[in-house]
Amino acid sequence: MHRSAACATTRTRRPAILVRAARAGLAGYRREVHLAALLPTADARRDPAGVVARLCALEDAQETARRAGAASYSPVRHVEILIALLAEMRALSERSARELQPECA
């Protein structure tokens, strides 16, 4: 699955401050800890595309709440989801690239 096909919401513009915060948080992202907190039943090694899809759904819900001005909206949670989404999309992209490379002798 390519980045552009991962989820439609990633092509939608987000406030720059959310994107900057998520990018800054990538360095501290630890899959075992952070992904487990967001998606407790996810197995990123077995189904990385499914994890990205589930994170996209979480992010879409946060974006919808943000745009609606919902009292339940949490900017902290939104950034946490964006960090995980960016990291998992990157990992999925790298995995796909490795699978496409020919094996060396």
PDB file of N, CA and C in Angstrom:
ATOM      1  N   MET A   1       0.855  -1.173   0.000  1.00  0.00           N
ATOM      2  CA  MET A   1       0.000   0.000   0.000  1.00  0.00           C
ATOM      3  C   MET A   1       0.897   1.231   0.000  1.00  0.00           C
ATOM      4  N   HIS A   2       0.653   2.113  -0.911  1.00  0.00           N
ATOM      5  CA  HIS A   2       1.453   3.326  -0.993  1.00  0.00           C
ATOM      6  C   HIS A   2       0.903   4.387  -0.059  1.00  0.00           C
ATOM      7  N   ARG A   3       1.767   5.343   0.252  1.00  0.00           N
ATOM      8  CA  ARG A   3       1.385   6.410   1.170  1.00  0.00           C
ATOM      9  C   ARG A   3       0.097   7.095   0.725  1.00  0.00           C
ATOM     10  N   SER A   4      -0.029   7.421  -0.559  1.00  0.00           N
ATOM     11  CA  SER A   4      -1.212   8.140  -1.018  1.00  0.00           C
ATOM     12  C   SER A   4      -2.484   7.301  -0.893  1.00  0.00           C
ATOM     13  N   ALA A   5      -2.333   5.983  -0.933  1.00  0.00           N
ATOM     14  CA  ALA A   5      -3.501   5.121  -0.823  1.00  0.00           C
ATOM     15  C   ALA A   5      -3.804   4.728   0.613  1.00  0.00           C
ATOM     16  N   ALA A   6      -2.911   5.049   1.541  1.00  0.00           N
ATOM     17  CA  ALA A   6      -3.061   4.612   2.926  1.00  0.00           C
ATOM     18  C   ALA A   6      -4.352   5.123   3.542  1.00  0.00           C
ATOM     19  N   CYS A   7      -4.592   6.391   3.433  1.00  0.00           N
ATOM     20  CA  CYS A   7      -5.861   6.930   3.910  1.00  0.00           C
ATOM     21  C   CYS A   7      -6.088   8.302   3.311  1.00  0.00           C
ATOM     22  N   ALA A   8      -7.313   8.559   2.993  1.00  0.00           N
ATOM     23  CA  ALA A   8      -7.658   9.819   2.343  1.00  0.00           C
ATOM     24  C   ALA A   8      -7.407  11.016   3.241  1.00  0.00           C
ATOM     25  N   THR A   9      -7.510  10.833   4.559  1.00  0.00           N
ATOM     26  CA  THR A   9      -7.372  11.974   5.461  1.00  0.00           C
ATOM     27  C   THR A   9      -5.971  12.549   5.464  1.00  0.00           C
ATOM     28  N   THR A  10      -4.960  11.754   5.094  1.00  0.00           N
ATOM     29  CA  THR A  10      -3.597  12.274   5.103  1.00  0.00           C
ATOM     30  C   THR A  10      -3.390  13.288   3.988  1.00  0.00           C
ATOM     31  N   ARG A  11      -4.282  13.282   2.996  1.00  0.00           N
ATOM     32  CA  ARG A  11      -4.162  14.257   1.918  1.00  0.00           C
ATOM     33  C   ARG A  11      -4.882  15.557   2.257  1.00  0.00           C
ATOM     34  N   THR A  12      -5.643  15.550   3.327  1.00  0.00           N
ATOM     35  CA  THR A  12      -6.342  16.742   3.769  1.00  0.00           C
ATOM     36  C   THR A  12      -5.388  17.602   4.576  1.00  0.00           C
ATOM     37  N   ARG A  13      -5.493  18.884   4.427  1.00  0.00           N
ATOM     38  CA  ARG A  13      -4.609  19.784   5.160  1.00  0.00           C
ATOM     39  C   ARG A  13      -4.953  19.799   6.643  1.00  0.00           C
ATOM     40  N   ARG A  14      -3.915  19.836   7.432  1.00  0.00           N
ATOM     41  CA  ARG A  14      -4.037  19.943   8.884  1.00  0.00           C
ATOM     42  C   ARG A  14      -3.359  21.239   9.309  1.00  0.00           C
ATOM     43  N   PRO A  15      -3.751  21.787  10.447  1.00  0.00           N
ATOM     44  CA  PRO A  15      -3.064  22.985  10.922  1.00  0.00           C
ATOM     45  C   PRO A  15      -1.558  22.718  11.050  1.00  0.00           C
ATOM     46  N   ALA A  16      -0.771  23.661  10.622  1.00  0.00           N
ATOM     47  CA  ALA A  16       0.686  23.494  10.615  1.00  0.00           C
ATOM     48  C   ALA A  16       1.230  23.144  11.997  1.00  0.00           C
ATOM     49  N   ILE A  17       0.630  23.695  13.033  1.00  0.00           N
ATOM     50  CA  ILE A  17       1.135  23.414  14.376  1.00  0.00           C
ATOM     51  C   ILE A  17       0.954  21.937  14.741  1.00  0.00           C
ATOM     52  N   LEU A  18      -0.136  21.311  14.301  1.00  0.00           N
ATOM     53  CA  LEU A  18      -0.338  19.882  14.555  1.00  0.00           C
ATOM     54  C   LEU A  18       0.705  19.053  13.812  1.00  0.00           C
ATOM     55  N   VAL A  19       0.950  19.407  12.568  1.00  0.00           N
ATOM     56  CA  VAL A  19       1.920  18.671  11.757  1.00  0.00           C
ATOM     57  C   VAL A  19       3.327  18.848  12.314  1.00  0.00           C
ATOM     58  N   ARG A  20       3.679  20.074  12.697  1.00  0.00           N
ATOM     59  CA  ARG A  20       5.019  20.314  13.282  1.00  0.00           C
ATOM     60  C   ARG A  20       5.188  19.541  14.582  1.00  0.00           C
ATOM     61  N   ALA A  21       4.168  19.533  15.408  1.00  0.00           N
ATOM     62  CA  ALA A  21       4.245  18.794  16.675  1.00  0.00           C
ATOM     63  C   ALA A  21       4.408  17.295  16.422  1.00  0.00           C
ATOM     64  N   ALA A  22       3.679  16.776  15.454  1.00  0.00           N
ATOM     65  CA  ALA A  22       3.783  15.346  15.139  1.00  0.00           C
ATOM     66  C   ALA A  22       5.167  15.012  14.603  1.00  0.00           C
ATOM     67  N   ARG A  23       5.688  15.835  13.726  1.00  0.00           N
ATOM     68  CA  ARG A  23       7.031  15.587  13.186  1.00  0.00           C
ATOM     69  C   ARG A  23       8.081  15.654  14.285  1.00  0.00           C
ATOM     70  N   ALA A  24       7.928  16.585  15.192  1.00  0.00           N
ATOM     71  CA  ALA A  24       8.873  16.707  16.307  1.00  0.00           C
ATOM     72  C   ALA A  24       8.796  15.473  17.213  1.00  0.00           C
ATOM     73  N   GLY A  25       7.629  14.911  17.337  1.00  0.00           N
ATOM     74  CA  GLY A  25       7.442  13.751  18.198  1.00  0.00           C
ATOM     75  C   GLY A  25       7.909  12.440  17.599  1.00  0.00           C
ATOM     76  N   LEU A  26       8.189  12.418  16.304  1.00  0.00           N
ATOM     77  CA  LEU A  26       8.625  11.180  15.656  1.00  0.00           C
ATOM     78  C   LEU A  26       9.888  10.602  16.287  1.00  0.00           C
ATOM     79  N   ALA A  27      10.805  11.452  16.704  1.00  0.00           N
ATOM     80  CA  ALA A  27      12.067  10.983  17.281  1.00  0.00           C
ATOM     81  C   ALA A  27      11.835  10.173  18.554  1.00  0.00           C
ATOM     82  N   GLY A  28      10.800  10.486  19.286  1.00  0.00           N
ATOM     83  CA  GLY A  28      10.521   9.790  20.536  1.00  0.00           C
ATOM     84  C   GLY A  28       9.517   8.654  20.406  1.00  0.00           C
ATOM     85  N   TYR A  29       9.067   8.384  19.188  1.00  0.00           N
ATOM     86  CA  TYR A  29       8.061   7.341  18.980  1.00  0.00           C
ATOM     87  C   TYR A  29       8.659   5.964  19.217  1.00  0.00           C
ATOM     88  N   ARG A  30       8.004   5.200  20.052  1.00  0.00           N
ATOM     89  CA  ARG A  30       8.385   3.814  20.330  1.00  0.00           C
ATOM     90  C   ARG A  30       7.166   2.948  20.073  1.00  0.00           C
ATOM     91  N   ARG A  31       7.234   2.188  19.014  1.00  0.00           N
ATOM     92  CA  ARG A  31       6.099   1.388  18.556  1.00  0.00           C
ATOM     93  C   ARG A  31       5.489   0.547  19.672  1.00  0.00           C
ATOM     94  N   GLU A  32       6.333  -0.138  20.431  1.00  0.00           N
ATOM     95  CA  GLU A  32       5.844  -1.045  21.464  1.00  0.00           C
ATOM     96  C   GLU A  32       4.999  -0.325  22.514  1.00  0.00           C
ATOM     97  N   VAL A  33       5.385   0.896  22.829  1.00  0.00           N
ATOM     98  CA  VAL A  33       4.699   1.660  23.865  1.00  0.00           C
ATOM     99  C   VAL A  33       3.526   2.454  23.289  1.00  0.00           C
ATOM    100  N   HIS A  34       3.805   3.258  22.293  1.00  0.00           N
ATOM    101  CA  HIS A  34       2.810   4.199  21.790  1.00  0.00           C
ATOM    102  C   HIS A  34       1.707   3.535  20.984  1.00  0.00           C
ATOM    103  N   LEU A  35       2.087   2.591  20.121  1.00  0.00           N
ATOM    104  CA  LEU A  35       1.072   1.914  19.322  1.00  0.00           C
ATOM    105  C   LEU A  35       0.175   1.058  20.214  1.00  0.00           C
ATOM    106  N   ALA A  36       0.779   0.437  21.216  1.00  0.00           N
ATOM    107  CA  ALA A  36      -0.005  -0.379  22.147  1.00  0.00           C
ATOM    108  C   ALA A  36      -1.032   0.463  22.908  1.00  0.00           C
ATOM    109  N   ALA A  37      -0.683   1.703  23.188  1.00  0.00           N
ATOM    110  CA  ALA A  37      -1.615   2.582  23.900  1.00  0.00           C
ATOM    111  C   ALA A  37      -2.769   3.024  22.994  1.00  0.00           C
ATOM    112  N   LEU A  38      -2.483   3.227  21.714  1.00  0.00           N
ATOM    113  CA  LEU A  38      -3.509   3.689  20.782  1.00  0.00           C
ATOM    114  C   LEU A  38      -4.356   2.541  20.233  1.00  0.00           C
ATOM    115  N   LEU A  39      -3.701   1.430  19.939  1.00  0.00           N
ATOM    116  CA  LEU A  39      -4.372   0.262  19.355  1.00  0.00           C
ATOM    117  C   LEU A  39      -3.943  -0.984  20.119  1.00  0.00           C
ATOM    118  N   PRO A  40      -4.526  -1.232  21.264  1.00  0.00           N
ATOM    119  CA  PRO A  40      -4.064  -2.327  22.126  1.00  0.00           C
ATOM    120  C   PRO A  40      -4.068  -3.711  21.476  1.00  0.00           C
ATOM    121  N   THR A  41      -4.935  -3.949  20.522  1.00  0.00           N
ATOM    122  CA  THR A  41      -5.018  -5.275  19.915  1.00  0.00           C
ATOM    123  C   THR A  41      -4.282  -5.376  18.584  1.00  0.00           C
ATOM    124  N   ALA A  42      -3.578  -4.334  18.188  1.00  0.00           N
ATOM    125  CA  ALA A  42      -2.909  -4.318  16.880  1.00  0.00           C
ATOM    126  C   ALA A  42      -1.625  -5.136  16.894  1.00  0.00           C
ATOM    127  N   ASP A  43      -1.361  -5.786  15.776  1.00  0.00           N
ATOM    128  CA  ASP A  43      -0.102  -6.492  15.583  1.00  0.00           C
ATOM    129  C   ASP A  43       0.557  -5.897  14.345  1.00  0.00           C
ATOM    130  N   ALA A  44       1.416  -4.914  14.574  1.00  0.00           N
ATOM    131  CA  ALA A  44       2.031  -4.169  13.477  1.00  0.00           C
ATOM    132  C   ALA A  44       2.914  -5.044  12.610  1.00  0.00           C
ATOM    133  N   ARG A  45       3.486  -6.086  13.178  1.00  0.00           N
ATOM    134  CA  ARG A  45       4.360  -6.951  12.377  1.00  0.00           C
ATOM    135  C   ARG A  45       3.564  -7.833  11.425  1.00  0.00           C
ATOM    136  N   ARG A  46       2.386  -8.263  11.835  1.00  0.00           N
ATOM    137  CA  ARG A  46       1.570  -9.136  10.986  1.00  0.00           C
ATOM    138  C   ARG A  46       0.718  -8.365   9.988  1.00  0.00           C
ATOM    139  N   ASP A  47       0.247  -7.194  10.386  1.00  0.00           N
ATOM    140  CA  ASP A  47      -0.678  -6.439   9.531  1.00  0.00           C
ATOM    141  C   ASP A  47      -0.372  -4.943   9.568  1.00  0.00           C
ATOM    142  N   PRO A  48       0.776  -4.535   9.014  1.00  0.00           N
ATOM    143  CA  PRO A  48       1.126  -3.103   9.070  1.00  0.00           C
ATOM    144  C   PRO A  48       0.137  -2.216   8.319  1.00  0.00           C
ATOM    145  N   ALA A  49      -0.402  -2.696   7.211  1.00  0.00           N
ATOM    146  CA  ALA A  49      -1.377  -1.901   6.464  1.00  0.00           C
ATOM    147  C   ALA A  49      -2.663  -1.736   7.266  1.00  0.00           C
ATOM    148  N   GLY A  50      -3.057  -2.773   7.988  1.00  0.00           N
ATOM    149  CA  GLY A  50      -4.246  -2.695   8.831  1.00  0.00           C
ATOM    150  C   GLY A  50      -4.062  -1.707   9.969  1.00  0.00           C
ATOM    151  N   VAL A  51      -2.848  -1.667  10.518  1.00  0.00           N
ATOM    152  CA  VAL A  51      -2.540  -0.711  11.586  1.00  0.00           C
ATOM    153  C   VAL A  51      -2.670   0.712  11.052  1.00  0.00           C
ATOM    154  N   VAL A  52      -2.121   0.948   9.864  1.00  0.00           N
ATOM    155  CA  VAL A  52      -2.216   2.285   9.264  1.00  0.00           C
ATOM    156  C   VAL A  52      -3.675   2.650   9.027  1.00  0.00           C
ATOM    157  N   ALA A  53      -4.453   1.707   8.537  1.00  0.00           N
ATOM    158  CA  ALA A  53      -5.879   1.971   8.295  1.00  0.00           C
ATOM    159  C   ALA A  53      -6.610   2.318   9.593  1.00  0.00           C
ATOM    160  N   ARG A  54      -6.306   1.588  10.666  1.00  0.00           N
ATOM    161  CA  ARG A  54      -6.954   1.866  11.954  1.00  0.00           C
ATOM    162  C   ARG A  54      -6.516   3.219  12.508  1.00  0.00           C
ATOM    163  N   LEU A  55      -5.239   3.555  12.335  1.00  0.00           N
ATOM    164  CA  LEU A  55      -4.766   4.879  12.776  1.00  0.00           C
ATOM    165  C   LEU A  55      -5.421   5.983  11.958  1.00  0.00           C
ATOM    166  N   CYS A  56      -5.623   5.723  10.669  1.00  0.00           N
ATOM    167  CA  CYS A  56      -6.310   6.698   9.821  1.00  0.00           C
ATOM    168  C   CYS A  56      -7.728   6.955  10.324  1.00  0.00           C
ATOM    169  N   ALA A  57      -8.399   5.899  10.722  1.00  0.00           N
ATOM    170  CA  ALA A  57      -9.763   6.043  11.245  1.00  0.00           C
ATOM    171  C   ALA A  57      -9.767   6.852  12.542  1.00  0.00           C
ATOM    172  N   LEU A  58      -8.797   6.585  13.414  1.00  0.00           N
ATOM    173  CA  LEU A  58      -8.685   7.362  14.659  1.00  0.00           C
ATOM    174  C   LEU A  58      -8.398   8.833  14.361  1.00  0.00           C
ATOM    175  N   GLU A  59      -7.493   9.063  13.422  1.00  0.00           N
ATOM    176  CA  GLU A  59      -7.127  10.433  13.086  1.00  0.00           C
ATOM    177  C   GLU A  59      -8.297  11.162  12.450  1.00  0.00           C
ATOM    178  N   ASP A  60      -9.032  10.468  11.606  1.00  0.00           N
ATOM    179  CA  ASP A  60     -10.203  11.069  10.968  1.00  0.00           C
ATOM    180  C   ASP A  60     -11.237  11.486  12.011  1.00  0.00           C
ATOM    181  N   ALA A  61     -11.427  10.662  13.015  1.00  0.00           N
ATOM    182  CA  ALA A  61     -12.368  10.997  14.091  1.00  0.00           C
ATOM    183  C   ALA A  61     -11.896  12.225  14.860  1.00  0.00           C
ATOM    184  N   GLN A  62     -10.590  12.304  15.116  1.00  0.00           N
ATOM    185  CA  GLN A  62     -10.054  13.474  15.814  1.00  0.00           C
ATOM    186  C   GLN A  62     -10.207  14.730  14.958  1.00  0.00           C
ATOM    187  N   GLU A  63      -9.938  14.605  13.666  1.00  0.00           N
ATOM    188  CA  GLU A  63     -10.057  15.763  12.775  1.00  0.00           C
ATOM    189  C   GLU A  63     -11.504  16.227  12.681  1.00  0.00           C
ATOM    190  N   THR A  64     -12.420  15.293  12.624  1.00  0.00           N
ATOM    191  CA  THR A  64     -13.841  15.638  12.586  1.00  0.00           C
ATOM    192  C   THR A  64     -14.241  16.369  13.866  1.00  0.00           C
ATOM    193  N   ALA A  65     -13.787  15.867  15.008  1.00  0.00           N
ATOM    194  CA  ALA A  65     -14.091  16.512  16.292  1.00  0.00           C
ATOM    195  C   ALA A  65     -13.468  17.899  16.366  1.00  0.00           C
ATOM    196  N   ARG A  66     -12.235  18.033  15.852  1.00  0.00           N
ATOM    197  CA  ARG A  66     -11.559  19.341  15.872  1.00  0.00           C
ATOM    198  C   ARG A  66     -12.341  20.352  15.045  1.00  0.00           C
ATOM    199  N   ARG A  67     -12.711  19.953  13.848  1.00  0.00           N
ATOM    200  CA  ARG A  67     -13.436  20.871  12.951  1.00  0.00           C
ATOM    201  C   ARG A  67     -14.820  21.236  13.496  1.00  0.00           C
ATOM    202  N   ALA A  68     -15.428  20.305  14.232  1.00  0.00           N
ATOM    203  CA  ALA A  68     -16.756  20.552  14.789  1.00  0.00           C
ATOM    204  C   ALA A  68     -16.696  21.354  16.094  1.00  0.00           C
ATOM    205  N   GLY A  69     -15.491  21.523  16.626  1.00  0.00           N
ATOM    206  CA  GLY A  69     -15.359  22.218  17.908  1.00  0.00           C
ATOM    207  C   GLY A  69     -15.898  21.399  19.062  1.00  0.00           C
ATOM    208  N   ALA A  70     -15.837  20.093  18.935  1.00  0.00           N
ATOM    209  CA  ALA A  70     -16.390  19.199  19.955  1.00  0.00           C
ATOM    210  C   ALA A  70     -15.619  19.313  21.266  1.00  0.00           C
ATOM    211  N   ALA A  71     -16.348  19.260  22.356  1.00  0.00           N
ATOM    212  CA  ALA A  71     -15.723  19.319  23.675  1.00  0.00           C
ATOM    213  C   ALA A  71     -14.845  18.102  23.929  1.00  0.00           C
ATOM    214  N   SER A  72     -15.111  17.012  23.250  1.00  0.00           N
ATOM    215  CA  SER A  72     -14.333  15.783  23.427  1.00  0.00           C
ATOM    216  C   SER A  72     -12.994  15.811  22.698  1.00  0.00           C
ATOM    217  N   TYR A  73     -12.778  16.817  21.860  1.00  0.00           N
ATOM    218  CA  TYR A  73     -11.542  16.887  21.080  1.00  0.00           C
ATOM    219  C   TYR A  73     -10.338  17.115  21.989  1.00  0.00           C
ATOM    220  N   SER A  74      -9.283  16.332  21.750  1.00  0.00           N
ATOM    221  CA  SER A  74      -8.054  16.460  22.517  1.00  0.00           C
ATOM    222  C   SER A  74      -6.884  16.693  21.563  1.00  0.00           C
ATOM    223  N   PRO A  75      -6.309  17.892  21.576  1.00  0.00           N
ATOM    224  CA  PRO A  75      -5.152  18.148  20.706  1.00  0.00           C
ATOM    225  C   PRO A  75      -3.980  17.211  21.025  1.00  0.00           C
ATOM    226  N   VAL A  76      -3.805  16.867  22.287  1.00  0.00           N
ATOM    227  CA  VAL A  76      -2.720  15.969  22.672  1.00  0.00           C
ATOM    228  C   VAL A  76      -2.926  14.594  22.026  1.00  0.00           C
ATOM    229  N   ARG A  77      -4.121  14.073  22.133  1.00  0.00           N
ATOM    230  CA  ARG A  77      -4.415  12.764  21.520  1.00  0.00           C
ATOM    231  C   ARG A  77      -4.275  12.847  20.008  1.00  0.00           C
ATOM    232  N   HIS A  78      -4.715  13.951  19.417  1.00  0.00           N
ATOM    233  CA  HIS A  78      -4.612  14.120  17.970  1.00  0.00           C
ATOM    234  C   HIS A  78      -3.145  14.051  17.538  1.00  0.00           C
ATOM    235  N   VAL A  79      -2.282  14.731  18.259  1.00  0.00           N
ATOM    236  CA  VAL A  79      -0.853  14.707  17.940  1.00  0.00           C
ATOM    237  C   VAL A  79      -0.284  13.305  18.153  1.00  0.00           C
ATOM    238  N   GLU A  80      -0.675  12.635  19.223  1.00  0.00           N
ATOM    239  CA  GLU A  80      -0.203  11.264  19.468  1.00  0.00           C
ATOM    240  C   GLU A  80      -0.577  10.346  18.305  1.00  0.00           C
ATOM    241  N   ILE A  81      -1.791  10.489  17.810  1.00  0.00           N
ATOM    242  CA  ILE A  81      -2.248   9.671  16.685  1.00  0.00           C
ATOM    243  C   ILE A  81      -1.475  10.031  15.426  1.00  0.00           C
ATOM    244  N   LEU A  82      -1.277  11.321  15.190  1.00  0.00           N
ATOM    245  CA  LEU A  82      -0.519  11.748  14.006  1.00  0.00           C
ATOM    246  C   LEU A  82       0.919  11.237  14.053  1.00  0.00           C
ATOM    247  N   ILE A  83       1.543  11.271  15.218  1.00  0.00           N
ATOM    248  CA  ILE A  83       2.908  10.749  15.357  1.00  0.00           C
ATOM    249  C   ILE A  83       2.932   9.273  14.964  1.00  0.00           C
ATOM    250  N   ALA A  84       2.026   8.505  15.528  1.00  0.00           N
ATOM    251  CA  ALA A  84       1.969   7.071  15.220  1.00  0.00           C
ATOM    252  C   ALA A  84       1.676   6.840  13.743  1.00  0.00           C
ATOM    253  N   LEU A  85       0.760   7.612  13.198  1.00  0.00           N
ATOM    254  CA  LEU A  85       0.400   7.467  11.789  1.00  0.00           C
ATOM    255  C   LEU A  85       1.600   7.755  10.886  1.00  0.00           C
ATOM    256  N   LEU A  86       2.303   8.846  11.142  1.00  0.00           N
ATOM    257  CA  LEU A  86       3.487   9.175  10.342  1.00  0.00           C
ATOM    258  C   LEU A  86       4.552   8.092  10.458  1.00  0.00           C
ATOM    259  N   ALA A  87       4.798   7.637  11.671  1.00  0.00           N
ATOM    260  CA  ALA A  87       5.822   6.611  11.889  1.00  0.00           C
ATOM    261  C   ALA A  87       5.443   5.292  11.224  1.00  0.00           C
ATOM    262  N   GLU A  88       4.203   4.887  11.360  1.00  0.00           N
ATOM    263  CA  GLU A  88       3.779   3.611  10.781  1.00  0.00           C
ATOM    264  C   GLU A  88       3.705   3.679   9.260  1.00  0.00           C
ATOM    265  N   MET A  89       3.325   4.831   8.721  1.00  0.00           N
ATOM    266  CA  MET A  89       3.331   4.987   7.266  1.00  0.00           C
ATOM    267  C   MET A  89       4.766   4.932   6.734  1.00  0.00           C
ATOM    268  N   ARG A  90       5.682   5.540   7.456  1.00  0.00           N
ATOM    269  CA  ARG A  90       7.086   5.492   7.067  1.00  0.00           C
ATOM    270  C   ARG A  90       7.597   4.053   7.098  1.00  0.00           C
ATOM    271  N   ALA A  91       7.287   3.337   8.169  1.00  0.00           N
ATOM    272  CA  ALA A  91       7.721   1.942   8.294  1.00  0.00           C
ATOM    273  C   ALA A  91       7.120   1.085   7.185  1.00  0.00           C
ATOM    274  N   LEU A  92       5.870   1.306   6.865  1.00  0.00           N
ATOM    275  CA  LEU A  92       5.210   0.554   5.804  1.00  0.00           C
ATOM    276  C   LEU A  92       5.863   0.851   4.457  1.00  0.00           C
ATOM    277  N   SER A  93       6.176   2.109   4.216  1.00  0.00           N
ATOM    278  CA  SER A  93       6.833   2.507   2.976  1.00  0.00           C
ATOM    279  C   SER A  93       8.219   1.876   2.857  1.00  0.00           C
ATOM    280  N   GLU A  94       8.972   1.879   3.957  1.00  0.00           N
ATOM    281  CA  GLU A  94      10.306   1.274   3.948  1.00  0.00           C
ATOM    282  C   GLU A  94      10.217  -0.230   3.732  1.00  0.00           C
ATOM    283  N   ARG A  95       9.234  -0.855   4.351  1.00  0.00           N
ATOM    284  CA  ARG A  95       9.050  -2.291   4.178  1.00  0.00           C
ATOM    285  C   ARG A  95       8.714  -2.621   2.730  1.00  0.00           C
ATOM    286  N   SER A  96       7.844  -1.831   2.130  1.00  0.00           N
ATOM    287  CA  SER A  96       7.475  -2.047   0.733  1.00  0.00           C
ATOM    288  C   SER A  96       8.679  -1.871  -0.182  1.00  0.00           C
ATOM    289  N   ALA A  97       9.497  -0.864   0.108  1.00  0.00           N
ATOM    290  CA  ALA A  97      10.692  -0.613  -0.706  1.00  0.00           C
ATOM    291  C   ALA A  97      11.669  -1.782  -0.605  1.00  0.00           C
ATOM    292  N   ARG A  98      11.837  -2.334   0.602  1.00  0.00           N
ATOM    293  CA  ARG A  98      12.733  -3.484   0.778  1.00  0.00           C
ATOM    294  C   ARG A  98      12.222  -4.700   0.014  1.00  0.00           C
ATOM    295  N   GLU A  99      10.913  -4.888   0.011  1.00  0.00           N
ATOM    296  CA  GLU A  99      10.336  -6.035  -0.666  1.00  0.00           C
ATOM    297  C   GLU A  99      10.464  -5.923  -2.179  1.00  0.00           C
ATOM    298  N   LEU A 100      10.557  -4.711  -2.691  1.00  0.00           N
ATOM    299  CA  LEU A 100      10.666  -4.497  -4.127  1.00  0.00           C
ATOM    300  C   LEU A 100      12.109  -4.592  -4.627  1.00  0.00           C
ATOM    301  N   GLN A 101      13.072  -4.469  -3.723  1.00  0.00           N
ATOM    302  CA  GLN A 101      14.481  -4.524  -4.125  1.00  0.00           C
ATOM    303  C   GLN A 101      14.868  -5.960  -4.451  1.00  0.00           C
ATOM    304  N   PRO A 102      15.650  -6.126  -5.534  1.00  0.00           N
ATOM    305  CA  PRO A 102      16.113  -7.485  -5.851  1.00  0.00           C
ATOM    306  C   PRO A 102      17.131  -7.946  -4.814  1.00  0.00           C
ATOM    307  N   GLU A 103      17.150  -9.236  -4.572  1.00  0.00           N
ATOM    308  CA  GLU A 103      18.097  -9.794  -3.611  1.00  0.00           C
ATOM    309  C   GLU A 103      19.486  -9.805  -4.219  1.00  0.00           C
ATOM    310  N   CYS A 104      20.488  -9.474  -3.413  1.00  0.00           N
ATOM    311  CA  CYS A 104      21.872  -9.511  -3.850  1.00  0.00           C
ATOM    312  C   CYS A 104      22.428 -10.909  -3.612  1.00  0.00           C
ATOM    313  N   ALA A 105      23.351 -11.304  -4.453  1.00  0.00           N
ATOM    314  CA  ALA A 105      23.945 -12.643  -4.326  1.00  0.00           C
ATOM    315  C   ALA A 105      24.894 -12.745  -3.179  1.00  0.00           C
TER     316      ALA A 105
END
